[in-house]
Amino acid sequence: MSKDLSRYRKEYLKGFLIEENLPENPIKLFSDWFNNADSKSNEIEPNAMSLSAIDLNGVPITRVVLLKKFSNDGFVFCTNYSSTKGK
């Protein structure tokens, strides 16, 4: 069975990064992005994100986590307590 899904493709032309225009503090940039997503009424969970790491064999592992807090000190996120990483 085969289905062409190309009609779902969207052009993402809303913005781009220019390195010399970036704030010195990357948390400020993230804060701007988050506030933009948070202001959209169609965003269900703007604090949901994918967190990826690699294991000792170099194999990537990705899981969905929820961002609980962020500040200049970094990010606080949580995962499902019954997941492998939550145990």
PDB file of N, CA and C in Angstrom:
ATOM      1  N   MET A   1       0.835  -1.169   0.000  1.00  0.00           N
ATOM      2  CA  MET A   1       0.000   0.000   0.000  1.00  0.00           C
ATOM      3  C   MET A   1       0.888   1.243   0.000  1.00  0.00           C
ATOM      4  N   SER A   2       0.517   2.227  -0.788  1.00  0.00           N
ATOM      5  CA  SER A   2       1.289   3.450  -0.899  1.00  0.00           C
ATOM      6  C   SER A   2       0.342   4.643  -0.931  1.00  0.00           C
ATOM      7  N   LYS A   3       0.738   5.716  -0.287  1.00  0.00           N
ATOM      8  CA  LYS A   3      -0.083   6.923  -0.295  1.00  0.00           C
ATOM      9  C   LYS A   3       0.838   8.129  -0.403  1.00  0.00           C
ATOM     10  N   ASP A   4       0.541   9.004  -1.341  1.00  0.00           N
ATOM     11  CA  ASP A   4       1.326  10.219  -1.540  1.00  0.00           C
ATOM     12  C   ASP A   4       0.905  11.262  -0.504  1.00  0.00           C
ATOM     13  N   LEU A   5       1.833  11.682   0.327  1.00  0.00           N
ATOM     14  CA  LEU A   5       1.540  12.648   1.382  1.00  0.00           C
ATOM     15  C   LEU A   5       2.101  14.038   1.079  1.00  0.00           C
ATOM     16  N   SER A   6       2.515  14.274  -0.147  1.00  0.00           N
ATOM     17  CA  SER A   6       3.158  15.544  -0.488  1.00  0.00           C
ATOM     18  C   SER A   6       2.240  16.749  -0.313  1.00  0.00           C
ATOM     19  N   ARG A   7       0.933  16.544  -0.338  1.00  0.00           N
ATOM     20  CA  ARG A   7       0.022  17.686  -0.179  1.00  0.00           C
ATOM     21  C   ARG A   7       0.096  18.273   1.232  1.00  0.00           C
ATOM     22  N   TYR A   8       0.667  17.532   2.171  1.00  0.00           N
ATOM     23  CA  TYR A   8       0.808  18.030   3.532  1.00  0.00           C
ATOM     24  C   TYR A   8       2.018  18.953   3.701  1.00  0.00           C
ATOM     25  N   ARG A   9       2.878  18.982   2.713  1.00  0.00           N
ATOM     26  CA  ARG A   9       4.101  19.787   2.800  1.00  0.00           C
ATOM     27  C   ARG A   9       3.762  21.264   2.831  1.00  0.00           C
ATOM     28  N   LYS A  10       4.371  21.981   3.774  1.00  0.00           N
ATOM     29  CA  LYS A  10       4.174  23.419   3.897  1.00  0.00           C
ATOM     30  C   LYS A  10       5.502  24.123   3.679  1.00  0.00           C
ATOM     31  N   GLU A  11       5.433  25.335   3.205  1.00  0.00           N
ATOM     32  CA  GLU A  11       6.621  26.173   3.116  1.00  0.00           C
ATOM     33  C   GLU A  11       6.750  26.933   4.433  1.00  0.00           C
ATOM     34  N   TYR A  12       7.887  26.843   5.048  1.00  0.00           N
ATOM     35  CA  TYR A  12       8.128  27.527   6.314  1.00  0.00           C
ATOM     36  C   TYR A  12       8.974  28.768   6.041  1.00  0.00           C
ATOM     37  N   LEU A  13       8.289  29.874   5.860  1.00  0.00           N
ATOM     38  CA  LEU A  13       8.966  31.103   5.460  1.00  0.00           C
ATOM     39  C   LEU A  13       8.844  32.211   6.504  1.00  0.00           C
ATOM     40  N   LYS A  14       8.471  31.883   7.714  1.00  0.00           N
ATOM     41  CA  LYS A  14       8.192  32.914   8.713  1.00  0.00           C
ATOM     42  C   LYS A  14       9.431  33.604   9.259  1.00  0.00           C
ATOM     43  N   GLY A  15      10.567  33.009   9.157  1.00  0.00           N
ATOM     44  CA  GLY A  15      11.730  33.667   9.721  1.00  0.00           C
ATOM     45  C   GLY A  15      13.001  32.892   9.492  1.00  0.00           C
ATOM     46  N   PHE A  16      14.089  33.519   9.822  1.00  0.00           N
ATOM     47  CA  PHE A  16      15.391  32.883   9.701  1.00  0.00           C
ATOM     48  C   PHE A  16      16.324  33.567  10.687  1.00  0.00           C
ATOM     49  N   LEU A  17      17.431  32.924  10.941  1.00  0.00           N
ATOM     50  CA  LEU A  17      18.400  33.464  11.892  1.00  0.00           C
ATOM     51  C   LEU A  17      19.548  34.132  11.160  1.00  0.00           C
ATOM     52  N   ILE A  18      19.902  35.305  11.618  1.00  0.00           N
ATOM     53  CA  ILE A  18      21.106  35.985  11.146  1.00  0.00           C
ATOM     54  C   ILE A  18      22.033  36.060  12.355  1.00  0.00           C
ATOM     55  N   GLU A  19      23.159  35.412  12.245  1.00  0.00           N
ATOM     56  CA  GLU A  19      24.028  35.220  13.406  1.00  0.00           C
ATOM     57  C   GLU A  19      24.378  36.520  14.117  1.00  0.00           C
ATOM     58  N   GLU A  20      24.696  37.557  13.377  1.00  0.00           N
ATOM     59  CA  GLU A  20      25.094  38.803  14.042  1.00  0.00           C
ATOM     60  C   GLU A  20      23.930  39.510  14.746  1.00  0.00           C
ATOM     61  N   ASN A  21      22.693  39.096  14.471  1.00  0.00           N
ATOM     62  CA  ASN A  21      21.527  39.680  15.139  1.00  0.00           C
ATOM     63  C   ASN A  21      21.081  38.891  16.373  1.00  0.00           C
ATOM     64  N   LEU A  22      21.736  37.785  16.651  1.00  0.00           N
ATOM     65  CA  LEU A  22      21.333  36.947  17.782  1.00  0.00           C
ATOM     66  C   LEU A  22      21.766  37.572  19.103  1.00  0.00           C
ATOM     67  N   PRO A  23      20.946  37.423  20.136  1.00  0.00           N
ATOM     68  CA  PRO A  23      21.364  37.937  21.445  1.00  0.00           C
ATOM     69  C   PRO A  23      22.545  37.131  21.973  1.00  0.00           C
ATOM     70  N   GLU A  24      23.334  37.763  22.801  1.00  0.00           N
ATOM     71  CA  GLU A  24      24.491  37.071  23.369  1.00  0.00           C
ATOM     72  C   GLU A  24      24.059  35.917  24.268  1.00  0.00           C
ATOM     73  N   ASN A  25      22.942  36.089  24.943  1.00  0.00           N
ATOM     74  CA  ASN A  25      22.424  35.063  25.844  1.00  0.00           C
ATOM     75  C   ASN A  25      21.424  34.186  25.080  1.00  0.00           C
ATOM     76  N   PRO A  26      21.726  32.905  24.855  1.00  0.00           N
ATOM     77  CA  PRO A  26      20.812  32.042  24.101  1.00  0.00           C
ATOM     78  C   PRO A  26      19.473  31.814  24.808  1.00  0.00           C
ATOM     79  N   ILE A  27      19.431  31.981  26.130  1.00  0.00           N
ATOM     80  CA  ILE A  27      18.173  31.824  26.860  1.00  0.00           C
ATOM     81  C   ILE A  27      17.198  32.926  26.449  1.00  0.00           C
ATOM     82  N   LYS A  28      17.708  34.116  26.163  1.00  0.00           N
ATOM     83  CA  LYS A  28      16.861  35.220  25.691  1.00  0.00           C
ATOM     84  C   LYS A  28      16.205  34.844  24.368  1.00  0.00           C
ATOM     85  N   LEU A  29      16.960  34.252  23.460  1.00  0.00           N
ATOM     86  CA  LEU A  29      16.411  33.824  22.175  1.00  0.00           C
ATOM     87  C   LEU A  29      15.349  32.751  22.389  1.00  0.00           C
ATOM     88  N   PHE A  30      15.645  31.771  23.237  1.00  0.00           N
ATOM     89  CA  PHE A  30      14.659  30.738  23.525  1.00  0.00           C
ATOM     90  C   PHE A  30      13.403  31.351  24.131  1.00  0.00           C
ATOM     91  N   SER A  31      13.567  32.296  25.043  1.00  0.00           N
ATOM     92  CA  SER A  31      12.424  32.954  25.675  1.00  0.00           C
ATOM     93  C   SER A  31      11.534  33.632  24.632  1.00  0.00           C
ATOM     94  N   ASP A  32      12.144  34.297  23.670  1.00  0.00           N
ATOM     95  CA  ASP A  32      11.371  34.928  22.588  1.00  0.00           C
ATOM     96  C   ASP A  32      10.603  33.878  21.795  1.00  0.00           C
ATOM     97  N   TRP A  33      11.266  32.769  21.456  1.00  0.00           N
ATOM     98  CA  TRP A  33      10.604  31.695  20.701  1.00  0.00           C
ATOM     99  C   TRP A  33       9.457  31.098  21.511  1.00  0.00           C
ATOM    100  N   PHE A  34       9.715  30.836  22.786  1.00  0.00           N
ATOM    101  CA  PHE A  34       8.685  30.233  23.619  1.00  0.00           C
ATOM    102  C   PHE A  34       7.489  31.164  23.766  1.00  0.00           C
ATOM    103  N   ASN A  35       7.743  32.440  24.034  1.00  0.00           N
ATOM    104  CA  ASN A  35       6.645  33.398  24.176  1.00  0.00           C
ATOM    105  C   ASN A  35       5.829  33.504  22.894  1.00  0.00           C
ATOM    106  N   ASN A  36       6.486  33.407  21.756  1.00  0.00           N
ATOM    107  CA  ASN A  36       5.783  33.418  20.475  1.00  0.00           C
ATOM    108  C   ASN A  36       4.873  32.199  20.365  1.00  0.00           C
ATOM    109  N   ALA A  37       5.395  31.027  20.669  1.00  0.00           N
ATOM    110  CA  ALA A  37       4.582  29.801  20.605  1.00  0.00           C
ATOM    111  C   ALA A  37       3.455  29.847  21.626  1.00  0.00           C
ATOM    112  N   ASP A  38       3.740  30.361  22.808  1.00  0.00           N
ATOM    113  CA  ASP A  38       2.749  30.412  23.879  1.00  0.00           C
ATOM    114  C   ASP A  38       1.595  31.359  23.549  1.00  0.00           C
ATOM    115  N   SER A  39       1.863  32.359  22.730  1.00  0.00           N
ATOM    116  CA  SER A  39       0.819  33.332  22.381  1.00  0.00           C
ATOM    117  C   SER A  39      -0.134  32.821  21.306  1.00  0.00           C
ATOM    118  N   LYS A  40       0.192  31.714  20.678  1.00  0.00           N
ATOM    119  CA  LYS A  40      -0.646  31.147  19.619  1.00  0.00           C
ATOM    120  C   LYS A  40      -1.764  30.322  20.238  1.00  0.00           C
ATOM    121  N   SER A  41      -2.982  30.593  19.856  1.00  0.00           N
ATOM    122  CA  SER A  41      -4.120  29.873  20.437  1.00  0.00           C
ATOM    123  C   SER A  41      -4.197  28.424  19.971  1.00  0.00           C
ATOM    124  N   ASN A  42      -3.547  28.095  18.854  1.00  0.00           N
ATOM    125  CA  ASN A  42      -3.628  26.728  18.332  1.00  0.00           C
ATOM    126  C   ASN A  42      -2.514  25.818  18.854  1.00  0.00           C
ATOM    127  N   GLU A  43      -1.621  26.336  19.675  1.00  0.00           N
ATOM    128  CA  GLU A  43      -0.563  25.511  20.252  1.00  0.00           C
ATOM    129  C   GLU A  43      -1.107  24.830  21.504  1.00  0.00           C
ATOM    130  N   ILE A  44      -1.170  23.509  21.490  1.00  0.00           N
ATOM    131  CA  ILE A  44      -1.765  22.776  22.605  1.00  0.00           C
ATOM    132  C   ILE A  44      -0.829  22.746  23.810  1.00  0.00           C
ATOM    133  N   GLU A  45       0.406  22.358  23.606  1.00  0.00           N
ATOM    134  CA  GLU A  45       1.384  22.305  24.699  1.00  0.00           C
ATOM    135  C   GLU A  45       2.693  22.905  24.204  1.00  0.00           C
ATOM    136  N   PRO A  46       2.818  24.227  24.256  1.00  0.00           N
ATOM    137  CA  PRO A  46       4.050  24.836  23.743  1.00  0.00           C
ATOM    138  C   PRO A  46       5.284  24.450  24.549  1.00  0.00           C
ATOM    139  N   ASN A  47       5.091  23.848  25.717  1.00  0.00           N
ATOM    140  CA  ASN A  47       6.228  23.425  26.535  1.00  0.00           C
ATOM    141  C   ASN A  47       6.641  21.978  26.278  1.00  0.00           C
ATOM    142  N   ALA A  48       6.008  21.302  25.327  1.00  0.00           N
ATOM    143  CA  ALA A  48       6.423  19.940  24.963  1.00  0.00           C
ATOM    144  C   ALA A  48       7.630  20.027  24.033  1.00  0.00           C
ATOM    145  N   MET A  49       8.592  19.163  24.253  1.00  0.00           N
ATOM    146  CA  MET A  49       9.784  19.167  23.402  1.00  0.00           C
ATOM    147  C   MET A  49      10.367  17.770  23.310  1.00  0.00           C
ATOM    148  N   SER A  50      11.184  17.579  22.311  1.00  0.00           N
ATOM    149  CA  SER A  50      11.904  16.318  22.148  1.00  0.00           C
ATOM    150  C   SER A  50      13.311  16.493  22.689  1.00  0.00           C
ATOM    151  N   LEU A  51      13.720  15.561  23.507  1.00  0.00           N
ATOM    152  CA  LEU A  51      15.055  15.568  24.087  1.00  0.00           C
ATOM    153  C   LEU A  51      15.795  14.350  23.552  1.00  0.00           C
ATOM    154  N   SER A  52      16.949  14.590  22.967  1.00  0.00           N
ATOM    155  CA  SER A  52      17.723  13.494  22.377  1.00  0.00           C
ATOM    156  C   SER A  52      19.088  13.390  23.036  1.00  0.00           C
ATOM    157  N   ALA A  53      19.566  12.180  23.119  1.00  0.00           N
ATOM    158  CA  ALA A  53      20.904  11.886  23.628  1.00  0.00           C
ATOM    159  C   ALA A  53      21.391  10.658  22.873  1.00  0.00           C
ATOM    160  N   ILE A  54      22.635  10.306  23.079  1.00  0.00           N
ATOM    161  CA  ILE A  54      23.140   9.074  22.476  1.00  0.00           C
ATOM    162  C   ILE A  54      23.600   8.146  23.590  1.00  0.00           C
ATOM    163  N   ASP A  55      23.466   6.841  23.315  1.00  0.00           N
ATOM    164  CA  ASP A  55      23.925   5.876  24.311  1.00  0.00           C
ATOM    165  C   ASP A  55      25.417   5.620  24.121  1.00  0.00           C
ATOM    166  N   LEU A  56      25.964   4.698  24.874  1.00  0.00           N
ATOM    167  CA  LEU A  56      27.404   4.425  24.809  1.00  0.00           C
ATOM    168  C   LEU A  56      27.851   3.901  23.453  1.00  0.00           C
ATOM    169  N   ASN A  57      26.912   3.375  22.662  1.00  0.00           N
ATOM    170  CA  ASN A  57      27.234   2.872  21.326  1.00  0.00           C
ATOM    171  C   ASN A  57      27.006   3.922  20.247  1.00  0.00           C
ATOM    172  N   GLY A  58      26.636   5.127  20.645  1.00  0.00           N
ATOM    173  CA  GLY A  58      26.401   6.195  19.681  1.00  0.00           C
ATOM    174  C   GLY A  58      25.025   6.160  19.045  1.00  0.00           C
ATOM    175  N   VAL A  59      24.127   5.358  19.583  1.00  0.00           N
ATOM    176  CA  VAL A  59      22.772   5.243  19.046  1.00  0.00           C
ATOM    177  C   VAL A  59      21.898   6.329  19.681  1.00  0.00           C
ATOM    178  N   PRO A  60      21.242   7.152  18.851  1.00  0.00           N
ATOM    179  CA  PRO A  60      20.409   8.208  19.417  1.00  0.00           C
ATOM    180  C   PRO A  60      19.130   7.673  20.051  1.00  0.00           C
ATOM    181  N   ILE A  61      18.740   8.307  21.130  1.00  0.00           N
ATOM    182  CA  ILE A  61      17.501   7.991  21.837  1.00  0.00           C
ATOM    183  C   ILE A  61      16.767   9.316  22.025  1.00  0.00           C
ATOM    184  N   THR A  62      15.504   9.355  21.654  1.00  0.00           N
ATOM    185  CA  THR A  62      14.712  10.577  21.767  1.00  0.00           C
ATOM    186  C   THR A  62      13.444  10.287  22.548  1.00  0.00           C
ATOM    187  N   ARG A  63      13.076  11.217  23.398  1.00  0.00           N
ATOM    188  CA  ARG A  63      11.813  11.093  24.125  1.00  0.00           C
ATOM    189  C   ARG A  63      11.181  12.473  24.227  1.00  0.00           C
ATOM    190  N   VAL A  64       9.880  12.483  24.412  1.00  0.00           N
ATOM    191  CA  VAL A  64       9.143  13.729  24.582  1.00  0.00           C
ATOM    192  C   VAL A  64       9.103  14.052  26.067  1.00  0.00           C
ATOM    193  N   VAL A  65       9.449  15.278  26.401  1.00  0.00           N
ATOM    194  CA  VAL A  65       9.434  15.746  27.783  1.00  0.00           C
ATOM    195  C   VAL A  65       8.653  17.054  27.843  1.00  0.00           C
ATOM    196  N   LEU A  66       8.308  17.470  29.043  1.00  0.00           N
ATOM    197  CA  LEU A  66       7.625  18.747  29.235  1.00  0.00           C
ATOM    198  C   LEU A  66       8.550  19.716  29.960  1.00  0.00           C
ATOM    199  N   LEU A  67       8.687  20.890  29.395  1.00  0.00           N
ATOM    200  CA  LEU A  67       9.480  21.941  30.014  1.00  0.00           C
ATOM    201  C   LEU A  67       8.679  22.533  31.165  1.00  0.00           C
ATOM    202  N   LYS A  68       9.237  22.535  32.346  1.00  0.00           N
ATOM    203  CA  LYS A  68       8.550  23.051  33.529  1.00  0.00           C
ATOM    204  C   LYS A  68       8.991  24.464  33.886  1.00  0.00           C
ATOM    205  N   LYS A  69      10.253  24.798  33.587  1.00  0.00           N
ATOM    206  CA  LYS A  69      10.780  26.107  33.946  1.00  0.00           C
ATOM    207  C   LYS A  69      12.050  26.353  33.149  1.00  0.00           C
ATOM    208  N   PHE A  70      12.312  27.617  32.839  1.00  0.00           N
ATOM    209  CA  PHE A  70      13.616  27.967  32.288  1.00  0.00           C
ATOM    210  C   PHE A  70      14.030  29.332  32.826  1.00  0.00           C
ATOM    211  N   SER A  71      15.327  29.506  32.950  1.00  0.00           N
ATOM    212  CA  SER A  71      15.903  30.757  33.444  1.00  0.00           C
ATOM    213  C   SER A  71      17.326  30.833  32.900  1.00  0.00           C
ATOM    214  N   ASN A  72      18.052  31.853  33.298  1.00  0.00           N
ATOM    215  CA  ASN A  72      19.448  31.952  32.868  1.00  0.00           C
ATOM    216  C   ASN A  72      20.296  30.810  33.407  1.00  0.00           C
ATOM    217  N   ASP A  73      19.781  30.091  34.395  1.00  0.00           N
ATOM    218  CA  ASP A  73      20.502  28.939  34.943  1.00  0.00           C
ATOM    219  C   ASP A  73      20.308  27.677  34.112  1.00  0.00           C
ATOM    220  N   GLY A  74      19.306  27.662  33.227  1.00  0.00           N
ATOM    221  CA  GLY A  74      19.081  26.494  32.382  1.00  0.00           C
ATOM    222  C   GLY A  74      17.617  26.109  32.311  1.00  0.00           C
ATOM    223  N   PHE A  75      17.374  24.843  31.997  1.00  0.00           N
ATOM    224  CA  PHE A  75      16.036  24.326  31.751  1.00  0.00           C
ATOM    225  C   PHE A  75      15.690  23.237  32.760  1.00  0.00           C
ATOM    226  N   VAL A  76      14.440  23.212  33.180  1.00  0.00           N
ATOM    227  CA  VAL A  76      13.930  22.143  34.042  1.00  0.00           C
ATOM    228  C   VAL A  76      12.813  21.469  33.268  1.00  0.00           C
ATOM    229  N   PHE A  77      12.938  20.176  33.071  1.00  0.00           N
ATOM    230  CA  PHE A  77      11.904  19.445  32.349  1.00  0.00           C
ATOM    231  C   PHE A  77      11.613  18.150  33.072  1.00  0.00           C
ATOM    232  N   CYS A  78      10.483  17.552  32.742  1.00  0.00           N
ATOM    233  CA  CYS A  78      10.129  16.280  33.373  1.00  0.00           C
ATOM    234  C   CYS A  78       9.701  15.294  32.300  1.00  0.00           C
ATOM    235  N   THR A  79       9.730  14.041  32.670  1.00  0.00           N
ATOM    236  CA  THR A  79       9.310  12.968  31.787  1.00  0.00           C
ATOM    237  C   THR A  79       8.294  12.119  32.545  1.00  0.00           C
ATOM    238  N   ASN A  80       7.699  11.193  31.874  1.00  0.00           N
ATOM    239  CA  ASN A  80       6.723  10.303  32.491  1.00  0.00           C
ATOM    240  C   ASN A  80       7.418   9.482  33.579  1.00  0.00           C
ATOM    241  N   TYR A  81       6.876   9.511  34.791  1.00  0.00           N
ATOM    242  CA  TYR A  81       7.507   8.802  35.911  1.00  0.00           C
ATOM    243  C   TYR A  81       7.576   7.292  35.698  1.00  0.00           C
ATOM    244  N   SER A  82       6.710   6.734  34.861  1.00  0.00           N
ATOM    245  CA  SER A  82       6.740   5.290  34.634  1.00  0.00           C
ATOM    246  C   SER A  82       7.573   4.908  33.414  1.00  0.00           C
ATOM    247  N   SER A  83       8.193   5.890  32.752  1.00  0.00           N
ATOM    248  CA  SER A  83       9.036   5.584  31.598  1.00  0.00           C
ATOM    249  C   SER A  83      10.376   5.021  32.066  1.00  0.00           C
ATOM    250  N   THR A  84      11.160   4.513  31.127  1.00  0.00           N
ATOM    251  CA  THR A  84      12.476   3.961  31.446  1.00  0.00           C
ATOM    252  C   THR A  84      13.353   5.001  32.129  1.00  0.00           C
ATOM    253  N   LYS A  85      13.383   6.220  31.597  1.00  0.00           N
ATOM    254  CA  LYS A  85      14.220   7.273  32.179  1.00  0.00           C
ATOM    255  C   LYS A  85      13.649   7.797  33.488  1.00  0.00           C
ATOM    256  N   GLY A  86      12.344   7.676  33.679  1.00  0.00           N
ATOM    257  CA  GLY A  86      11.721   8.173  34.894  1.00  0.00           C
ATOM    258  C   GLY A  86      11.909   7.260  36.089  1.00  0.00           C
ATOM    259  N   LYS A  87      12.364   6.033  35.851  1.00  0.00           N
ATOM    260  CA  LYS A  87      12.495   5.059  36.949  1.00  0.00           C
ATOM    261  C   LYS A  87      13.833   5.148  37.631  1.00  0.00           C
TER     262      LYS A  87
END
